[in-house]
Amino acid sequence: MEKSGSDERTWGMLCHITALAGYFIPFGNILGPLIVWLVKKDESAFVDDQGKESLNFQLSATIYIIVAAVLCLVLIGIPILIGLLIFHLVVIIIATVRSSEGERYRYPLTIRFFQS
């Protein structure tokens, strides 16, 4: 496991934790990590990697949540949506903690739009 410096860990952590903005701002889960990644990607390989990872997961999660919301019309989507939101919150917290420790985190169930 590759460890990174304190400043890199802070920015890597921000790539993940800013995704929680999506709970307050529409598409904030994508905009937060995108802004951090665009600002710092050229300064640190760790931040570049974690920014791409966070964006990949947030884009994937957005797709999954939209599908679950549509499925709410036939009621099966309600428990799926609740499960997805809990899963989303938990893995963001795990990713934030791991990044703060300098560890490169990989989200499960992620479509790789951006290759690391």
PDB file of N, CA and C in Angstrom:
ATOM      1  N   MET A   1       0.818  -1.182   0.000  1.00  0.00           N
ATOM      2  CA  MET A   1       0.000   0.000   0.000  1.00  0.00           C
ATOM      3  C   MET A   1       0.867   1.253   0.000  1.00  0.00           C
ATOM      4  N   GLU A   2       0.564   2.146  -0.883  1.00  0.00           N
ATOM      5  CA  GLU A   2       1.336   3.375  -0.987  1.00  0.00           C
ATOM      6  C   GLU A   2       0.758   4.408  -0.023  1.00  0.00           C
ATOM      7  N   LYS A   3       1.633   4.991   0.766  1.00  0.00           N
ATOM      8  CA  LYS A   3       1.219   6.040   1.699  1.00  0.00           C
ATOM      9  C   LYS A   3       1.584   7.389   1.102  1.00  0.00           C
ATOM     10  N   SER A   4       0.844   8.416   1.496  1.00  0.00           N
ATOM     11  CA  SER A   4       1.089   9.736   0.932  1.00  0.00           C
ATOM     12  C   SER A   4       1.265  10.757   2.043  1.00  0.00           C
ATOM     13  N   GLY A   5       1.710  11.968   1.665  1.00  0.00           N
ATOM     14  CA  GLY A   5       1.954  13.030   2.626  1.00  0.00           C
ATOM     15  C   GLY A   5       0.671  13.597   3.215  1.00  0.00           C
ATOM     16  N   SER A   6       0.825  14.377   4.261  1.00  0.00           N
ATOM     17  CA  SER A   6      -0.315  14.929   5.001  1.00  0.00           C
ATOM     18  C   SER A   6      -1.221  15.794   4.131  1.00  0.00           C
ATOM     19  N   ASP A   7      -0.621  16.668   3.335  1.00  0.00           N
ATOM     20  CA  ASP A   7      -1.412  17.540   2.461  1.00  0.00           C
ATOM     21  C   ASP A   7      -2.161  16.711   1.415  1.00  0.00           C
ATOM     22  N   GLU A   8      -1.483  15.737   0.851  1.00  0.00           N
ATOM     23  CA  GLU A   8      -2.120  14.858  -0.135  1.00  0.00           C
ATOM     24  C   GLU A   8      -3.275  14.082   0.496  1.00  0.00           C
ATOM     25  N   ARG A   9      -3.061  13.605   1.707  1.00  0.00           N
ATOM     26  CA  ARG A   9      -4.121  12.850   2.400  1.00  0.00           C
ATOM     27  C   ARG A   9      -5.337  13.727   2.637  1.00  0.00           C
ATOM     28  N   THR A  10      -5.102  14.978   3.015  1.00  0.00           N
ATOM     29  CA  THR A  10      -6.218  15.899   3.253  1.00  0.00           C
ATOM     30  C   THR A  10      -7.016  16.119   1.969  1.00  0.00           C
ATOM     31  N   TRP A  11      -6.332  16.373   0.866  1.00  0.00           N
ATOM     32  CA  TRP A  11      -7.022  16.605  -0.404  1.00  0.00           C
ATOM     33  C   TRP A  11      -7.687  15.325  -0.913  1.00  0.00           C
ATOM     34  N   GLY A  12      -7.015  14.187  -0.717  1.00  0.00           N
ATOM     35  CA  GLY A  12      -7.624  12.906  -1.088  1.00  0.00           C
ATOM     36  C   GLY A  12      -8.886  12.644  -0.300  1.00  0.00           C
ATOM     37  N   MET A  13      -8.851  12.966   0.984  1.00  0.00           N
ATOM     38  CA  MET A  13     -10.021  12.814   1.841  1.00  0.00           C
ATOM     39  C   MET A  13     -11.150  13.740   1.369  1.00  0.00           C
ATOM     40  N   LEU A  14     -10.801  14.954   0.980  1.00  0.00           N
ATOM     41  CA  LEU A  14     -11.810  15.899   0.495  1.00  0.00           C
ATOM     42  C   LEU A  14     -12.477  15.420  -0.795  1.00  0.00           C
ATOM     43  N   CYS A  15     -11.733  14.667  -1.607  1.00  0.00           N
ATOM     44  CA  CYS A  15     -12.332  14.092  -2.826  1.00  0.00           C
ATOM     45  C   CYS A  15     -13.527  13.215  -2.474  1.00  0.00           C
ATOM     46  N   HIS A  16     -13.454  12.557  -1.331  1.00  0.00           N
ATOM     47  CA  HIS A  16     -14.531  11.655  -0.925  1.00  0.00           C
ATOM     48  C   HIS A  16     -15.607  12.365  -0.105  1.00  0.00           C
ATOM     49  N   ILE A  17     -15.220  13.126   0.890  1.00  0.00           N
ATOM     50  CA  ILE A  17     -16.193  13.698   1.823  1.00  0.00           C
ATOM     51  C   ILE A  17     -17.056  14.776   1.177  1.00  0.00           C
ATOM     52  N   THR A  18     -16.528  15.458   0.154  1.00  0.00           N
ATOM     53  CA  THR A  18     -17.339  16.486  -0.505  1.00  0.00           C
ATOM     54  C   THR A  18     -18.531  15.877  -1.248  1.00  0.00           C
ATOM     55  N   ALA A  19     -18.503  14.569  -1.463  1.00  0.00           N
ATOM     56  CA  ALA A  19     -19.634  13.908  -2.110  1.00  0.00           C
ATOM     57  C   ALA A  19     -20.889  13.965  -1.239  1.00  0.00           C
ATOM     58  N   LEU A  20     -20.710  14.182   0.053  1.00  0.00           N
ATOM     59  CA  LEU A  20     -21.874  14.298   0.935  1.00  0.00           C
ATOM     60  C   LEU A  20     -22.700  15.547   0.630  1.00  0.00           C
ATOM     61  N   ALA A  21     -22.146  16.462  -0.134  1.00  0.00           N
ATOM     62  CA  ALA A  21     -22.899  17.648  -0.547  1.00  0.00           C
ATOM     63  C   ALA A  21     -24.143  17.255  -1.336  1.00  0.00           C
ATOM     64  N   GLY A  22     -24.118  16.071  -1.931  1.00  0.00           N
ATOM     65  CA  GLY A  22     -25.271  15.591  -2.695  1.00  0.00           C
ATOM     66  C   GLY A  22     -26.509  15.395  -1.849  1.00  0.00           C
ATOM     67  N   TYR A  23     -26.351  15.281  -0.544  1.00  0.00           N
ATOM     68  CA  TYR A  23     -27.504  15.157   0.340  1.00  0.00           C
ATOM     69  C   TYR A  23     -28.171  16.502   0.585  1.00  0.00           C
ATOM     70  N   PHE A  24     -27.510  17.592   0.159  1.00  0.00           N
ATOM     71  CA  PHE A  24     -28.050  18.934   0.368  1.00  0.00           C
ATOM     72  C   PHE A  24     -28.230  19.736  -0.916  1.00  0.00           C
ATOM     73  N   ILE A  25     -27.417  19.428  -1.923  1.00  0.00           N
ATOM     74  CA  ILE A  25     -27.429  20.155  -3.194  1.00  0.00           C
ATOM     75  C   ILE A  25     -27.597  19.139  -4.320  1.00  0.00           C
ATOM     76  N   PRO A  26     -28.548  19.351  -5.229  1.00  0.00           N
ATOM     77  CA  PRO A  26     -28.682  18.406  -6.350  1.00  0.00           C
ATOM     78  C   PRO A  26     -27.357  18.262  -7.110  1.00  0.00           C
ATOM     79  N   PHE A  27     -26.953  17.031  -7.318  1.00  0.00           N
ATOM     80  CA  PHE A  27     -25.712  16.667  -7.995  1.00  0.00           C
ATOM     81  C   PHE A  27     -24.463  17.195  -7.300  1.00  0.00           C
ATOM     82  N   GLY A  28     -24.598  17.601  -6.042  1.00  0.00           N
ATOM     83  CA  GLY A  28     -23.451  18.016  -5.239  1.00  0.00           C
ATOM     84  C   GLY A  28     -22.497  16.858  -5.007  1.00  0.00           C
ATOM     85  N   ASN A  29     -23.022  15.630  -5.059  1.00  0.00           N
ATOM     86  CA  ASN A  29     -22.178  14.450  -4.890  1.00  0.00           C
ATOM     87  C   ASN A  29     -21.187  14.301  -6.032  1.00  0.00           C
ATOM     88  N   ILE A  30     -21.485  14.884  -7.161  1.00  0.00           N
ATOM     89  CA  ILE A  30     -20.565  14.855  -8.305  1.00  0.00           C
ATOM     90  C   ILE A  30     -19.737  16.148  -8.348  1.00  0.00           C
ATOM     91  N   LEU A  31     -20.395  17.266  -8.097  1.00  0.00           N
ATOM     92  CA  LEU A  31     -19.706  18.558  -8.188  1.00  0.00           C
ATOM     93  C   LEU A  31     -18.600  18.723  -7.149  1.00  0.00           C
ATOM     94  N   GLY A  32     -18.840  18.295  -5.909  1.00  0.00           N
ATOM     95  CA  GLY A  32     -17.838  18.425  -4.849  1.00  0.00           C
ATOM     96  C   GLY A  32     -16.530  17.724  -5.204  1.00  0.00           C
ATOM     97  N   PRO A  33     -16.587  16.395  -5.457  1.00  0.00           N
ATOM     98  CA  PRO A  33     -15.351  15.700  -5.840  1.00  0.00           C
ATOM     99  C   PRO A  33     -14.740  16.219  -7.141  1.00  0.00           C
ATOM    100  N   LEU A  34     -15.587  16.613  -8.087  1.00  0.00           N
ATOM    101  CA  LEU A  34     -15.088  17.125  -9.365  1.00  0.00           C
ATOM    102  C   LEU A  34     -14.263  18.388  -9.164  1.00  0.00           C
ATOM    103  N   ILE A  35     -14.736  19.294  -8.335  1.00  0.00           N
ATOM    104  CA  ILE A  35     -14.015  20.548  -8.091  1.00  0.00           C
ATOM    105  C   ILE A  35     -12.670  20.267  -7.419  1.00  0.00           C
ATOM    106  N   VAL A  36     -12.690  19.433  -6.373  1.00  0.00           N
ATOM    107  CA  VAL A  36     -11.434  19.102  -5.671  1.00  0.00           C
ATOM    108  C   VAL A  36     -10.464  18.439  -6.638  1.00  0.00           C
ATOM    109  N   TRP A  37     -10.958  17.486  -7.413  1.00  0.00           N
ATOM    110  CA  TRP A  37     -10.095  16.764  -8.351  1.00  0.00           C
ATOM    111  C   TRP A  37      -9.496  17.707  -9.398  1.00  0.00           C
ATOM    112  N   LEU A  38     -10.320  18.568  -9.984  1.00  0.00           N
ATOM    113  CA  LEU A  38      -9.824  19.482 -11.021  1.00  0.00           C
ATOM    114  C   LEU A  38      -8.782  20.452 -10.475  1.00  0.00           C
ATOM    115  N   VAL A  39      -8.947  20.884  -9.230  1.00  0.00           N
ATOM    116  CA  VAL A  39      -8.015  21.835  -8.639  1.00  0.00           C
ATOM    117  C   VAL A  39      -6.675  21.185  -8.313  1.00  0.00           C
ATOM    118  N   LYS A  40      -6.682  19.933  -7.847  1.00  0.00           N
ATOM    119  CA  LYS A  40      -5.462  19.328  -7.308  1.00  0.00           C
ATOM    120  C   LYS A  40      -4.897  18.139  -8.092  1.00  0.00           C
ATOM    121  N   LYS A  41      -5.553  17.703  -9.154  1.00  0.00           N
ATOM    122  CA  LYS A  41      -5.127  16.481  -9.850  1.00  0.00           C
ATOM    123  C   LYS A  41      -3.712  16.554 -10.419  1.00  0.00           C
ATOM    124  N   ASP A  42      -3.268  17.721 -10.838  1.00  0.00           N
ATOM    125  CA  ASP A  42      -1.943  17.849 -11.432  1.00  0.00           C
ATOM    126  C   ASP A  42      -0.834  17.965 -10.388  1.00  0.00           C
ATOM    127  N   GLU A  43      -1.217  18.201  -9.131  1.00  0.00           N
ATOM    128  CA  GLU A  43      -0.232  18.389  -8.070  1.00  0.00           C
ATOM    129  C   GLU A  43       0.096  17.095  -7.332  1.00  0.00           C
ATOM    130  N   SER A  44      -0.785  16.084  -7.448  1.00  0.00           N
ATOM    131  CA  SER A  44      -0.588  14.877  -6.659  1.00  0.00           C
ATOM    132  C   SER A  44      -1.196  13.667  -7.354  1.00  0.00           C
ATOM    133  N   ALA A  45      -0.397  12.620  -7.503  1.00  0.00           N
ATOM    134  CA  ALA A  45      -0.901  11.373  -8.096  1.00  0.00           C
ATOM    135  C   ALA A  45      -1.955  10.740  -7.191  1.00  0.00           C
ATOM    136  N   PHE A  46      -1.786  10.879  -5.870  1.00  0.00           N
ATOM    137  CA  PHE A  46      -2.751  10.325  -4.914  1.00  0.00           C
ATOM    138  C   PHE A  46      -4.104  11.014  -5.056  1.00  0.00           C
ATOM    139  N   VAL A  47      -4.099  12.334  -5.119  1.00  0.00           N
ATOM    140  CA  VAL A  47      -5.350  13.091  -5.262  1.00  0.00           C
ATOM    141  C   VAL A  47      -5.982  12.804  -6.619  1.00  0.00           C
ATOM    142  N   ASP A  48      -5.172  12.690  -7.652  1.00  0.00           N
ATOM    143  CA  ASP A  48      -5.685  12.346  -8.980  1.00  0.00           C
ATOM    144  C   ASP A  48      -6.392  10.995  -8.946  1.00  0.00           C
ATOM    145  N   ASP A  49      -5.758  10.010  -8.332  1.00  0.00           N
ATOM    146  CA  ASP A  49      -6.330   8.674  -8.234  1.00  0.00           C
ATOM    147  C   ASP A  49      -7.628   8.665  -7.423  1.00  0.00           C
ATOM    148  N   GLN A  50      -7.595   9.300  -6.257  1.00  0.00           N
ATOM    149  CA  GLN A  50      -8.771   9.282  -5.388  1.00  0.00           C
ATOM    150  C   GLN A  50      -9.901  10.145  -5.950  1.00  0.00           C
ATOM    151  N   GLY A  51      -9.553  11.205  -6.659  1.00  0.00           N
ATOM    152  CA  GLY A  51     -10.572  12.027  -7.312  1.00  0.00           C
ATOM    153  C   GLY A  51     -11.301  11.248  -8.393  1.00  0.00           C
ATOM    154  N   LYS A  52     -10.544  10.528  -9.209  1.00  0.00           N
ATOM    155  CA  LYS A  52     -11.160   9.697 -10.255  1.00  0.00           C
ATOM    156  C   LYS A  52     -12.023   8.606  -9.631  1.00  0.00           C
ATOM    157  N   GLU A  53     -11.512   7.996  -8.570  1.00  0.00           N
ATOM    158  CA  GLU A  53     -12.258   6.930  -7.893  1.00  0.00           C
ATOM    159  C   GLU A  53     -13.568   7.464  -7.323  1.00  0.00           C
ATOM    160  N   SER A  54     -13.506   8.613  -6.687  1.00  0.00           N
ATOM    161  CA  SER A  54     -14.707   9.208  -6.116  1.00  0.00           C
ATOM    162  C   SER A  54     -15.706   9.587  -7.209  1.00  0.00           C
ATOM    163  N   LEU A  55     -15.217  10.199  -8.268  1.00  0.00           N
ATOM    164  CA  LEU A  55     -16.111  10.571  -9.378  1.00  0.00           C
ATOM    165  C   LEU A  55     -16.743   9.339 -10.023  1.00  0.00           C
ATOM    166  N   ASN A  56     -15.953   8.295 -10.235  1.00  0.00           N
ATOM    167  CA  ASN A  56     -16.506   7.059 -10.804  1.00  0.00           C
ATOM    168  C   ASN A  56     -17.628   6.520  -9.931  1.00  0.00           C
ATOM    169  N   PHE A  57     -17.398   6.487  -8.619  1.00  0.00           N
ATOM    170  CA  PHE A  57     -18.426   5.955  -7.733  1.00  0.00           C
ATOM    171  C   PHE A  57     -19.653   6.863  -7.694  1.00  0.00           C
ATOM    172  N   GLN A  58     -19.445   8.163  -7.646  1.00  0.00           N
ATOM    173  CA  GLN A  58     -20.588   9.083  -7.575  1.00  0.00           C
ATOM    174  C   GLN A  58     -21.427   9.036  -8.844  1.00  0.00           C
ATOM    175  N   LEU A  59     -20.784   8.922  -9.987  1.00  0.00           N
ATOM    176  CA  LEU A  59     -21.540   8.779 -11.245  1.00  0.00           C
ATOM    177  C   LEU A  59     -22.310   7.450 -11.251  1.00  0.00           C
ATOM    178  N   SER A  60     -21.648   6.378 -10.808  1.00  0.00           N
ATOM    179  CA  SER A  60     -22.300   5.068 -10.732  1.00  0.00           C
ATOM    180  C   SER A  60     -23.477   5.110  -9.767  1.00  0.00           C
ATOM    181  N   ALA A  61     -23.258   5.686  -8.586  1.00  0.00           N
ATOM    182  CA  ALA A  61     -24.318   5.762  -7.578  1.00  0.00           C
ATOM    183  C   ALA A  61     -25.490   6.589  -8.078  1.00  0.00           C
ATOM    184  N   THR A  62     -25.212   7.663  -8.808  1.00  0.00           N
ATOM    185  CA  THR A  62     -26.288   8.492  -9.353  1.00  0.00           C
ATOM    186  C   THR A  62     -27.142   7.683 -10.323  1.00  0.00           C
ATOM    187  N   ILE A  63     -26.502   6.897 -11.164  1.00  0.00           N
ATOM    188  CA  ILE A  63     -27.238   6.037 -12.095  1.00  0.00           C
ATOM    189  C   ILE A  63     -28.085   5.029 -11.328  1.00  0.00           C
ATOM    190  N   TYR A  64     -27.492   4.378 -10.319  1.00  0.00           N
ATOM    191  CA  TYR A  64     -28.226   3.380  -9.539  1.00  0.00           C
ATOM    192  C   TYR A  64     -29.415   4.010  -8.816  1.00  0.00           C
ATOM    193  N   ILE A  65     -29.236   5.202  -8.278  1.00  0.00           N
ATOM    194  CA  ILE A  65     -30.309   5.873  -7.539  1.00  0.00           C
ATOM    195  C   ILE A  65     -31.425   6.309  -8.479  1.00  0.00           C
ATOM    196  N   ILE A  66     -31.089   6.772  -9.669  1.00  0.00           N
ATOM    197  CA  ILE A  66     -32.122   7.146 -10.647  1.00  0.00           C
ATOM    198  C   ILE A  66     -32.944   5.926 -11.039  1.00  0.00           C
ATOM    199  N   VAL A  67     -32.279   4.799 -11.280  1.00  0.00           N
ATOM    200  CA  VAL A  67     -32.996   3.560 -11.626  1.00  0.00           C
ATOM    201  C   VAL A  67     -33.905   3.142 -10.470  1.00  0.00           C
ATOM    202  N   ALA A  68     -33.387   3.198  -9.239  1.00  0.00           N
ATOM    203  CA  ALA A  68     -34.188   2.825  -8.076  1.00  0.00           C
ATOM    204  C   ALA A  68     -35.379   3.769  -7.914  1.00  0.00           C
ATOM    205  N   ALA A  69     -35.179   5.065  -8.184  1.00  0.00           N
ATOM    206  CA  ALA A  69     -36.276   6.033  -8.079  1.00  0.00           C
ATOM    207  C   ALA A  69     -37.375   5.718  -9.091  1.00  0.00           C
ATOM    208  N   VAL A  70     -36.989   5.339 -10.290  1.00  0.00           N
ATOM    209  CA  VAL A  70     -37.981   4.955 -11.304  1.00  0.00           C
ATOM    210  C   VAL A  70     -38.721   3.696 -10.847  1.00  0.00           C
ATOM    211  N   LEU A  71     -37.986   2.758 -10.241  1.00  0.00           N
ATOM    212  CA  LEU A  71     -38.608   1.526  -9.759  1.00  0.00           C
ATOM    213  C   LEU A  71     -39.543   1.767  -8.578  1.00  0.00           C
ATOM    214  N   CYS A  72     -39.451   2.942  -7.954  1.00  0.00           N
ATOM    215  CA  CYS A  72     -40.380   3.281  -6.868  1.00  0.00           C
ATOM    216  C   CYS A  72     -41.817   3.341  -7.378  1.00  0.00           C
ATOM    217  N   LEU A  73     -41.967   3.566  -8.666  1.00  0.00           N
ATOM    218  CA  LEU A  73     -43.310   3.590  -9.260  1.00  0.00           C
ATOM    219  C   LEU A  73     -44.004   2.241  -9.129  1.00  0.00           C
ATOM    220  N   VAL A  74     -43.217   1.170  -9.059  1.00  0.00           N
ATOM    221  CA  VAL A  74     -43.795  -0.166  -8.878  1.00  0.00           C
ATOM    222  C   VAL A  74     -43.468  -0.716  -7.489  1.00  0.00           C
ATOM    223  N   LEU A  75     -43.130   0.190  -6.575  1.00  0.00           N
ATOM    224  CA  LEU A  75     -42.882  -0.092  -5.157  1.00  0.00           C
ATOM    225  C   LEU A  75     -41.622  -0.873  -4.842  1.00  0.00           C
ATOM    226  N   ILE A  76     -41.102  -1.670  -5.743  1.00  0.00           N
ATOM    227  CA  ILE A  76     -39.881  -2.426  -5.440  1.00  0.00           C
ATOM    228  C   ILE A  76     -38.687  -1.504  -5.252  1.00  0.00           C
ATOM    229  N   GLY A  77     -38.757  -0.322  -5.826  1.00  0.00           N
ATOM    230  CA  GLY A  77     -37.654   0.619  -5.743  1.00  0.00           C
ATOM    231  C   GLY A  77     -37.474   1.248  -4.378  1.00  0.00           C
ATOM    232  N   ILE A  78     -38.511   1.243  -3.555  1.00  0.00           N
ATOM    233  CA  ILE A  78     -38.414   1.885  -2.236  1.00  0.00           C
ATOM    234  C   ILE A  78     -37.357   1.222  -1.361  1.00  0.00           C
ATOM    235  N   PRO A  79     -37.403  -0.102  -1.134  1.00  0.00           N
ATOM    236  CA  PRO A  79     -36.341  -0.698  -0.313  1.00  0.00           C
ATOM    237  C   PRO A  79     -34.970  -0.643  -1.001  1.00  0.00           C
ATOM    238  N   ILE A  80     -34.957  -0.721  -2.322  1.00  0.00           N
ATOM    239  CA  ILE A  80     -33.689  -0.625  -3.054  1.00  0.00           C
ATOM    240  C   ILE A  80     -33.083   0.763  -2.858  1.00  0.00           C
ATOM    241  N   LEU A  81     -33.912   1.789  -2.961  1.00  0.00           N
ATOM    242  CA  LEU A  81     -33.450   3.165  -2.799  1.00  0.00           C
ATOM    243  C   LEU A  81     -32.932   3.404  -1.380  1.00  0.00           C
ATOM    244  N   ILE A  82     -33.643   2.920  -0.392  1.00  0.00           N
ATOM    245  CA  ILE A  82     -33.200   3.071   0.996  1.00  0.00           C
ATOM    246  C   ILE A  82     -31.857   2.367   1.201  1.00  0.00           C
ATOM    247  N   GLY A  83     -31.740   1.144   0.690  1.00  0.00           N
ATOM    248  CA  GLY A  83     -30.483   0.406   0.798  1.00  0.00           C
ATOM    249  C   GLY A  83     -29.334   1.108   0.097  1.00  0.00           C
ATOM    250  N   LEU A  84     -29.603   1.644  -1.093  1.00  0.00           N
ATOM    251  CA  LEU A  84     -28.556   2.360  -1.839  1.00  0.00           C
ATOM    252  C   LEU A  84     -28.077   3.597  -1.091  1.00  0.00           C
ATOM    253  N   LEU A  85     -29.001   4.337  -0.502  1.00  0.00           N
ATOM    254  CA  LEU A  85     -28.620   5.557   0.211  1.00  0.00           C
ATOM    255  C   LEU A  85     -27.787   5.236   1.453  1.00  0.00           C
ATOM    256  N   ILE A  86     -28.155   4.173   2.166  1.00  0.00           N
ATOM    257  CA  ILE A  86     -27.365   3.758   3.332  1.00  0.00           C
ATOM    258  C   ILE A  86     -25.983   3.293   2.874  1.00  0.00           C
ATOM    259  N   PHE A  87     -25.943   2.458   1.836  1.00  0.00           N
ATOM    260  CA  PHE A  87     -24.677   1.972   1.285  1.00  0.00           C
ATOM    261  C   PHE A  87     -23.801   3.148   0.846  1.00  0.00           C
ATOM    262  N   HIS A  88     -24.390   4.109   0.159  1.00  0.00           N
ATOM    263  CA  HIS A  88     -23.697   5.293  -0.335  1.00  0.00           C
ATOM    264  C   HIS A  88     -23.028   6.034   0.816  1.00  0.00           C
ATOM    265  N   LEU A  89     -23.767   6.285   1.866  1.00  0.00           N
ATOM    266  CA  LEU A  89     -23.243   7.014   3.015  1.00  0.00           C
ATOM    267  C   LEU A  89     -22.108   6.244   3.697  1.00  0.00           C
ATOM    268  N   VAL A  90     -22.303   4.948   3.901  1.00  0.00           N
ATOM    269  CA  VAL A  90     -21.302   4.125   4.586  1.00  0.00           C
ATOM    270  C   VAL A  90     -19.989   4.068   3.808  1.00  0.00           C
ATOM    271  N   VAL A  91     -20.054   3.814   2.503  1.00  0.00           N
ATOM    272  CA  VAL A  91     -18.797   3.687   1.747  1.00  0.00           C
ATOM    273  C   VAL A  91     -18.077   5.032   1.597  1.00  0.00           C
ATOM    274  N   ILE A  92     -18.823   6.135   1.576  1.00  0.00           N
ATOM    275  CA  ILE A  92     -18.165   7.445   1.545  1.00  0.00           C
ATOM    276  C   ILE A  92     -17.386   7.656   2.834  1.00  0.00           C
ATOM    277  N   ILE A  93     -17.973   7.295   3.958  1.00  0.00           N
ATOM    278  CA  ILE A  93     -17.286   7.439   5.240  1.00  0.00           C
ATOM    279  C   ILE A  93     -16.041   6.547   5.282  1.00  0.00           C
ATOM    280  N   ILE A  94     -16.170   5.311   4.828  1.00  0.00           N
ATOM    281  CA  ILE A  94     -15.017   4.397   4.789  1.00  0.00           C
ATOM    282  C   ILE A  94     -13.920   4.964   3.888  1.00  0.00           C
ATOM    283  N   ALA A  95     -14.294   5.442   2.704  1.00  0.00           N
ATOM    284  CA  ALA A  95     -13.310   5.999   1.766  1.00  0.00           C
ATOM    285  C   ALA A  95     -12.617   7.220   2.357  1.00  0.00           C
ATOM    286  N   THR A  96     -13.367   8.058   3.050  1.00  0.00           N
ATOM    287  CA  THR A  96     -12.794   9.252   3.664  1.00  0.00           C
ATOM    288  C   THR A  96     -11.761   8.882   4.720  1.00  0.00           C
ATOM    289  N   VAL A  97     -12.102   7.914   5.565  1.00  0.00           N
ATOM    290  CA  VAL A  97     -11.180   7.480   6.617  1.00  0.00           C
ATOM    291  C   VAL A  97      -9.924   6.857   6.007  1.00  0.00           C
ATOM    292  N   ARG A  98     -10.115   5.984   5.037  1.00  0.00           N
ATOM    293  CA  ARG A  98      -8.951   5.324   4.412  1.00  0.00           C
ATOM    294  C   ARG A  98      -8.044   6.344   3.730  1.00  0.00           C
ATOM    295  N   SER A  99      -8.632   7.326   3.037  1.00  0.00           N
ATOM    296  CA  SER A  99      -7.825   8.360   2.372  1.00  0.00           C
ATOM    297  C   SER A  99      -7.082   9.217   3.388  1.00  0.00           C
ATOM    298  N   SER A 100      -7.736   9.491   4.508  1.00  0.00           N
ATOM    299  CA  SER A 100      -7.066  10.296   5.536  1.00  0.00           C
ATOM    300  C   SER A 100      -5.864   9.554   6.114  1.00  0.00           C
ATOM    301  N   GLU A 101      -5.855   8.228   5.978  1.00  0.00           N
ATOM    302  CA  GLU A 101      -4.725   7.412   6.424  1.00  0.00           C
ATOM    303  C   GLU A 101      -3.698   7.214   5.308  1.00  0.00           C
ATOM    304  N   GLY A 102      -3.964   7.794   4.144  1.00  0.00           N
ATOM    305  CA  GLY A 102      -3.036   7.708   3.027  1.00  0.00           C
ATOM    306  C   GLY A 102      -3.207   6.472   2.169  1.00  0.00           C
ATOM    307  N   GLU A 103      -4.297   5.766   2.357  1.00  0.00           N
ATOM    308  CA  GLU A 103      -4.553   4.534   1.615  1.00  0.00           C
ATOM    309  C   GLU A 103      -5.395   4.830   0.370  1.00  0.00           C
ATOM    310  N   ARG A 104      -5.057   4.191  -0.733  1.00  0.00           N
ATOM    311  CA  ARG A 104      -5.859   4.325  -1.955  1.00  0.00           C
ATOM    312  C   ARG A 104      -7.080   3.433  -1.815  1.00  0.00           C
ATOM    313  N   TYR A 105      -8.268   4.035  -1.801  1.00  0.00           N
ATOM    314  CA  TYR A 105      -9.503   3.279  -1.596  1.00  0.00           C
ATOM    315  C   TYR A 105     -10.180   2.995  -2.936  1.00  0.00           C
ATOM    316  N   ARG A 106     -10.739   1.815  -3.056  1.00  0.00           N
ATOM    317  CA  ARG A 106     -11.524   1.423  -4.237  1.00  0.00           C
ATOM    318  C   ARG A 106     -12.949   1.114  -3.806  1.00  0.00           C
ATOM    319  N   TYR A 107     -13.892   1.856  -4.363  1.00  0.00           N
ATOM    320  CA  TYR A 107     -15.304   1.633  -4.053  1.00  0.00           C
ATOM    321  C   TYR A 107     -15.798   0.351  -4.710  1.00  0.00           C
ATOM    322  N   PRO A 108     -16.678  -0.380  -4.023  1.00  0.00           N
ATOM    323  CA  PRO A 108     -17.307  -1.537  -4.670  1.00  0.00           C
ATOM    324  C   PRO A 108     -18.431  -1.069  -5.610  1.00  0.00           C
ATOM    325  N   LEU A 109     -18.822  -1.930  -6.538  1.00  0.00           N
ATOM    326  CA  LEU A 109     -19.949  -1.678  -7.452  1.00  0.00           C
ATOM    327  C   LEU A 109     -19.780  -0.411  -8.284  1.00  0.00           C
ATOM    328  N   THR A 110     -18.554  -0.142  -8.697  1.00  0.00           N
ATOM    329  CA  THR A 110     -18.265   1.093  -9.415  1.00  0.00           C
ATOM    330  C   THR A 110     -18.022   0.838 -10.896  1.00  0.00           C
ATOM    331  N   ILE A 111     -18.665   1.638 -11.721  1.00  0.00           N
ATOM    332  CA  ILE A 111     -18.409   1.630 -13.160  1.00  0.00           C
ATOM    333  C   ILE A 111     -17.206   2.557 -13.382  1.00  0.00           C
ATOM    334  N   ARG A 112     -16.184   2.102 -14.082  1.00  0.00           N
ATOM    335  CA  ARG A 112     -14.962   2.885 -14.280  1.00  0.00           C
ATOM    336  C   ARG A 112     -15.082   3.784 -15.505  1.00  0.00           C
ATOM    337  N   PHE A 113     -15.629   4.983 -15.293  1.00  0.00           N
ATOM    338  CA  PHE A 113     -15.723   5.961 -16.375  1.00  0.00           C
ATOM    339  C   PHE A 113     -14.353   6.585 -16.636  1.00  0.00           C
ATOM    340  N   PHE A 114     -13.632   6.888 -15.544  1.00  0.00           N
ATOM    341  CA  PHE A 114     -12.282   7.444 -15.614  1.00  0.00           C
ATOM    342  C   PHE A 114     -11.330   6.358 -15.147  1.00  0.00           C
ATOM    343  N   GLN A 115     -10.330   6.053 -15.951  1.00  0.00           N
ATOM    344  CA  GLN A 115      -9.353   5.024 -15.579  1.00  0.00           C
ATOM    345  C   GLN A 115      -8.243   5.645 -14.734  1.00  0.00           C
ATOM    346  N   SER A 116      -7.862   4.941 -13.677  1.00  0.00           N
ATOM    347  CA  SER A 116      -6.774   5.419 -12.801  1.00  0.00           C
ATOM    348  C   SER A 116      -5.438   4.927 -13.283  1.00  0.00           C
TER     349      SER A 116
END
